[in-house]
């Protein structure tokens, strides 16, 4: 009877770990998709400030 609560604890923790792993992978993939264009935009804005100001206005 003492060994019974251990699988219940694992079954309670398993969905949270799966959700955390999926959330982490989604964050990593979204950051990999978003960061390169953002870096290019920041680089272009730092290189050509007058064009970035004209684009924002």
C-alpha atoms as a PDB file:
ATOM      1  CA  UNK A   1       0.000   0.000   0.000  1.00  0.00           C
ATOM      2  CA  UNK A   2       2.960   2.332   0.583  1.00  0.00           C
ATOM      3  CA  UNK A   3       4.054   2.010  -3.086  1.00  0.00           C
ATOM      4  CA  UNK A   4       0.609   3.027  -4.405  1.00  0.00           C
ATOM      5  CA  UNK A   5       0.854   6.866  -3.973  1.00  0.00           C
ATOM      6  CA  UNK A   6       4.141   7.015  -5.930  1.00  0.00           C
ATOM      7  CA  UNK A   7       2.607   6.217  -9.386  1.00  0.00           C
ATOM      8  CA  UNK A   8      -0.233   8.639  -8.590  1.00  0.00           C
ATOM      9  CA  UNK A   9       2.304  11.374  -7.935  1.00  0.00           C
ATOM     10  CA  UNK A  10       4.075  10.567 -11.191  1.00  0.00           C
ATOM     11  CA  UNK A  11       0.804  10.614 -13.148  1.00  0.00           C
ATOM     12  CA  UNK A  12      -0.009  14.025 -11.599  1.00  0.00           C
ATOM     13  CA  UNK A  13       3.422  15.423 -12.504  1.00  0.00           C
ATOM     14  CA  UNK A  14       3.567  13.914 -16.006  1.00  0.00           C
ATOM     15  CA  UNK A  15       1.005  16.225 -17.750  1.00  0.00           C
ATOM     16  CA  UNK A  16       2.643  19.330 -16.262  1.00  0.00           C
ATOM     17  CA  UNK A  17       6.075  18.234 -17.459  1.00  0.00           C
ATOM     18  CA  UNK A  18       4.681  17.491 -20.936  1.00  0.00           C
ATOM     19  CA  UNK A  19       2.982  20.907 -21.042  1.00  0.00           C
ATOM     20  CA  UNK A  20       6.189  22.606 -19.907  1.00  0.00           C
ATOM     21  CA  UNK A  21       8.251  20.779 -22.550  1.00  0.00           C
ATOM     22  CA  UNK A  22       5.753  21.673 -25.313  1.00  0.00           C
ATOM     23  CA  UNK A  23       5.633  25.292 -24.100  1.00  0.00           C
ATOM     24  CA  UNK A  24       9.428  25.494 -24.056  1.00  0.00           C
ATOM     25  CA  UNK A  25       9.711  24.033 -27.567  1.00  0.00           C
ATOM     26  CA  UNK A  26       7.070  26.459 -28.874  1.00  0.00           C
ATOM     27  CA  UNK A  27       8.939  29.383 -27.299  1.00  0.00           C
ATOM     28  CA  UNK A  28      12.248  28.243 -28.801  1.00  0.00           C
ATOM     29  CA  UNK A  29      10.772  27.720 -32.277  1.00  0.00           C
ATOM     30  CA  UNK A  30       8.902  31.049 -32.201  1.00  0.00           C
ATOM     31  CA  UNK A  31      12.027  32.856 -31.023  1.00  0.00           C
ATOM     32  CA  UNK A  32      14.050  31.232 -33.827  1.00  0.00           C
ATOM     33  CA  UNK A  33      11.393  32.341 -36.336  1.00  0.00           C
ATOM     34  CA  UNK A  34      11.041  35.905 -34.945  1.00  0.00           C
ATOM     35  CA  UNK A  35      14.609  36.832 -33.926  1.00  0.00           C
ATOM     36  CA  UNK A  36      16.356  36.851 -37.363  1.00  0.00           C
ATOM     37  CA  UNK A  37      13.870  39.295 -39.016  1.00  0.00           C
ATOM     38  CA  UNK A  38      13.907  41.465 -35.872  1.00  0.00           C
ATOM     39  CA  UNK A  39      17.711  41.486 -35.908  1.00  0.00           C
ATOM     40  CA  UNK A  40      17.683  42.480 -39.589  1.00  0.00           C
ATOM     41  CA  UNK A  41      15.210  45.297 -38.880  1.00  0.00           C
ATOM     42  CA  UNK A  42      17.298  46.614 -35.967  1.00  0.00           C
ATOM     43  CA  UNK A  43      20.471  46.376 -38.075  1.00  0.00           C
ATOM     44  CA  UNK A  44      18.876  48.261 -40.975  1.00  0.00           C
ATOM     45  CA  UNK A  45      17.472  50.911 -38.619  1.00  0.00           C
ATOM     46  CA  UNK A  46      20.893  51.384 -37.033  1.00  0.00           C
ATOM     47  CA  UNK A  47      22.571  51.560 -40.447  1.00  0.00           C
ATOM     48  CA  UNK A  48      20.053  53.926 -42.103  1.00  0.00           C
ATOM     49  CA  UNK A  49      18.223  56.051 -39.482  1.00  0.00           C
ATOM     50  CA  UNK A  50      16.681  58.450 -41.996  1.00  0.00           C
ATOM     51  CA  UNK A  51      14.985  55.619 -43.890  1.00  0.00           C
ATOM     52  CA  UNK A  52      13.692  54.077 -40.646  1.00  0.00           C
ATOM     53  CA  UNK A  53      12.295  57.455 -39.529  1.00  0.00           C
ATOM     54  CA  UNK A  54      10.581  57.930 -42.894  1.00  0.00           C
ATOM     55  CA  UNK A  55       9.170  54.388 -42.647  1.00  0.00           C
ATOM     56  CA  UNK A  56       7.796  54.883 -39.141  1.00  0.00           C
ATOM     57  CA  UNK A  57       6.126  58.180 -40.048  1.00  0.00           C
END
